[in-house]
Amino acid sequence: MKARPLQWPQSVANPTDWQKVLMGFWHFGPDIHAYKQFRAEIAAREESCLECWMLTERERQARDLIVKIVAGIMDWPNAHFLPDDPMDILLQQEPLDLSAGETLVRIEAQFQISLPEDCHKLRLGEFVSLVEKMCPVLPERSHPLAQ
């Protein structure tokens, strides 16, 4: 089965007034239900989905470090992400969780860069490209912050 990029369901992208009220409520909110679906989709992805990325070796190195950090801190079942997966979904977590901020801070520290405030609005492929371009020297793969 070919993996498709994650996308917000209609109930989150264009919620009704009632759905807006429920946003963020654990077990009830449409965003929380969507997050559970995203976890299942990513868990079902095979490692071969990484072959769809068209990257230089330098971009591949940046991607590998970034997805390791994102998957680890955000507690995704694996790092089988697609270039068109939205960062705002990959950084989604339960309400009041600070993991998204921690993830971005860890990436900034790992690559010794300052990310723009709206970087969470990018797709993962665009985010990887941005980080790779901002970082003159990529960190080693064994860098402790990627652990």
Protein backbone atom coordinates (compact mmCIF):
# COMPACT_ATOMS: atom_id res chain seq x y z
CA MET A 1 0.00 0.00 0.00
CA LYS A 2 1.37 3.37 -1.01
CA ALA A 3 1.64 5.82 1.87
CA ARG A 4 -0.14 9.15 1.51
CA PRO A 5 0.82 12.39 3.25
CA LEU A 6 -1.00 13.15 6.46
CA GLN A 7 -3.74 15.75 6.23
CA TRP A 8 -6.15 17.27 8.70
CA PRO A 9 -9.70 15.92 8.39
CA GLN A 10 -12.49 18.34 7.55
CA SER A 11 -13.59 18.38 11.23
CA VAL A 12 -10.26 20.03 12.15
CA ALA A 13 -9.44 21.98 8.99
CA ASN A 14 -12.89 23.63 8.86
CA PRO A 15 -14.65 22.79 12.11
CA THR A 16 -18.24 23.58 12.94
CA ASP A 17 -18.91 25.81 15.94
CA TRP A 18 -19.53 22.74 18.09
CA GLN A 19 -16.30 21.08 16.93
CA LYS A 20 -14.40 24.27 17.79
CA VAL A 21 -15.71 24.02 21.35
CA LEU A 22 -14.46 20.44 21.61
CA MET A 23 -10.96 21.15 20.24
CA GLY A 24 -8.30 20.01 22.67
CA PHE A 25 -10.61 17.95 24.88
CA TRP A 26 -8.95 14.59 25.36
CA HIS A 27 -11.20 11.73 24.12
CA PHE A 28 -13.73 14.16 22.59
CA GLY A 29 -11.95 16.73 20.46
CA PRO A 30 -11.81 16.20 16.70
CA ASP A 31 -8.13 17.16 16.77
CA ILE A 32 -7.38 14.44 19.31
CA HIS A 33 -9.28 11.86 17.27
CA ALA A 34 -7.29 12.94 14.20
CA TYR A 35 -4.02 12.58 16.13
CA LYS A 36 -4.90 8.97 16.99
CA GLN A 37 -5.59 8.33 13.31
CA PHE A 38 -2.25 9.89 12.35
CA ARG A 39 -0.43 7.61 14.81
CA ALA A 40 -2.09 4.59 13.20
CA GLU A 41 -1.21 5.79 9.69
CA ILE A 42 2.44 6.33 10.57
CA ALA A 43 2.63 2.99 12.40
CA ALA A 44 1.37 1.29 9.22
CA ARG A 45 3.99 2.93 7.00
CA GLU A 46 6.91 0.83 5.90
CA GLU A 47 10.48 2.06 5.87
CA SER A 48 10.38 1.91 2.08
CA CYS A 49 8.24 5.09 2.09
CA LEU A 50 11.49 6.99 2.73
CA GLU A 51 12.52 6.14 -0.84
CA CYS A 52 10.10 8.77 -2.20
CA TRP A 53 12.35 11.54 -0.88
CA MET A 54 14.51 13.01 -3.65
CA LEU A 55 17.51 14.24 -1.66
CA THR A 56 21.18 14.97 -1.95
CA GLU A 57 23.40 13.23 0.59
CA ARG A 58 23.56 16.41 2.66
CA GLU A 59 19.75 16.78 2.64
CA ARG A 60 19.39 13.10 3.54
CA GLN A 61 21.71 13.58 6.52
CA ALA A 62 19.66 16.59 7.69
CA ARG A 63 16.40 14.69 7.20
CA ASP A 64 17.62 11.66 9.13
CA LEU A 65 18.58 13.80 12.13
CA ILE A 66 15.38 15.85 12.03
CA VAL A 67 13.00 12.89 11.78
CA LYS A 68 14.85 11.10 14.58
CA ILE A 69 14.32 14.10 16.85
CA VAL A 70 10.67 14.58 15.81
CA ALA A 71 9.77 10.90 16.17
CA GLY A 72 11.57 10.59 19.50
CA ILE A 73 10.27 13.66 21.32
CA MET A 74 6.78 13.60 19.80
CA ASP A 75 6.52 9.85 20.52
CA TRP A 76 5.58 8.78 17.01
CA PRO A 77 5.64 4.99 16.46
CA ASN A 78 8.45 5.37 13.89
CA ALA A 79 10.16 7.97 11.72
CA HIS A 80 8.59 6.90 8.42
CA PHE A 81 7.55 10.40 7.42
CA LEU A 82 6.87 11.72 3.94
CA PRO A 83 8.14 15.02 2.53
CA ASP A 84 4.54 16.28 2.23
CA ASP A 85 3.61 15.54 5.86
CA PRO A 86 2.71 18.88 7.47
CA MET A 87 4.94 19.93 10.36
CA ASP A 88 1.91 21.12 12.34
CA ILE A 89 0.62 17.54 12.33
CA LEU A 90 4.01 16.02 13.16
CA LEU A 91 4.27 18.46 16.09
CA GLN A 92 0.70 17.71 17.25
CA GLN A 93 0.35 16.25 20.71
CA GLU A 94 -2.18 16.17 23.49
CA PRO A 95 -3.42 19.50 24.86
CA LEU A 96 -1.07 21.48 27.08
CA ASP A 97 1.87 19.31 26.03
CA LEU A 98 5.11 21.22 25.47
CA SER A 99 6.77 18.61 23.25
CA ALA A 100 6.37 20.63 20.04
CA GLY A 101 8.39 23.50 21.49
CA GLU A 102 10.95 21.09 22.88
CA THR A 103 11.26 19.44 19.47
CA LEU A 104 11.94 22.74 17.68
CA VAL A 105 14.40 23.86 20.37
CA ARG A 106 16.24 20.53 20.07
CA ILE A 107 16.46 20.92 16.27
CA GLU A 108 17.74 24.48 16.68
CA ALA A 109 20.39 23.26 19.15
CA GLN A 110 21.32 20.26 17.01
CA PHE A 111 21.86 22.37 13.89
CA GLN A 112 22.92 25.57 15.71
CA ILE A 113 20.30 27.69 13.94
CA SER A 114 17.32 29.88 14.82
CA LEU A 115 14.17 28.72 13.10
CA PRO A 116 11.58 31.22 11.87
CA GLU A 117 8.49 31.51 14.05
CA ASP A 118 6.19 30.10 11.38
CA CYS A 119 8.30 27.03 10.53
CA HIS A 120 5.56 24.75 11.89
CA LYS A 121 3.44 25.78 8.87
CA LEU A 122 5.82 24.08 6.42
CA ARG A 123 5.66 20.57 5.06
CA LEU A 124 8.43 18.30 6.34
CA GLY A 125 10.33 18.36 3.05
CA GLU A 126 10.31 22.16 3.04
CA PHE A 127 11.37 22.18 6.70
CA VAL A 128 14.30 19.84 6.00
CA SER A 129 15.36 22.02 3.08
CA LEU A 130 15.15 25.16 5.23
CA VAL A 131 17.25 23.64 8.02
CA GLU A 132 19.80 22.25 5.58
CA LYS A 133 20.21 25.66 3.91
CA MET A 134 20.48 27.52 7.25
CA CYS A 135 23.15 25.19 8.63
CA PRO A 136 26.63 25.67 7.11
CA VAL A 137 28.02 22.48 8.67
CA LEU A 138 25.68 19.62 9.48
CA PRO A 139 26.21 17.92 12.85
CA GLU A 140 27.53 14.39 13.01
CA ARG A 141 24.89 11.65 13.02
CA SER A 142 26.06 10.52 16.43
CA HIS A 143 25.56 13.96 17.96
CA PRO A 144 24.16 13.53 21.50
CA LEU A 145 21.15 15.79 20.93
CA ALA A 146 19.85 13.41 18.27
CA GLN A 147 19.70 10.61 20.84
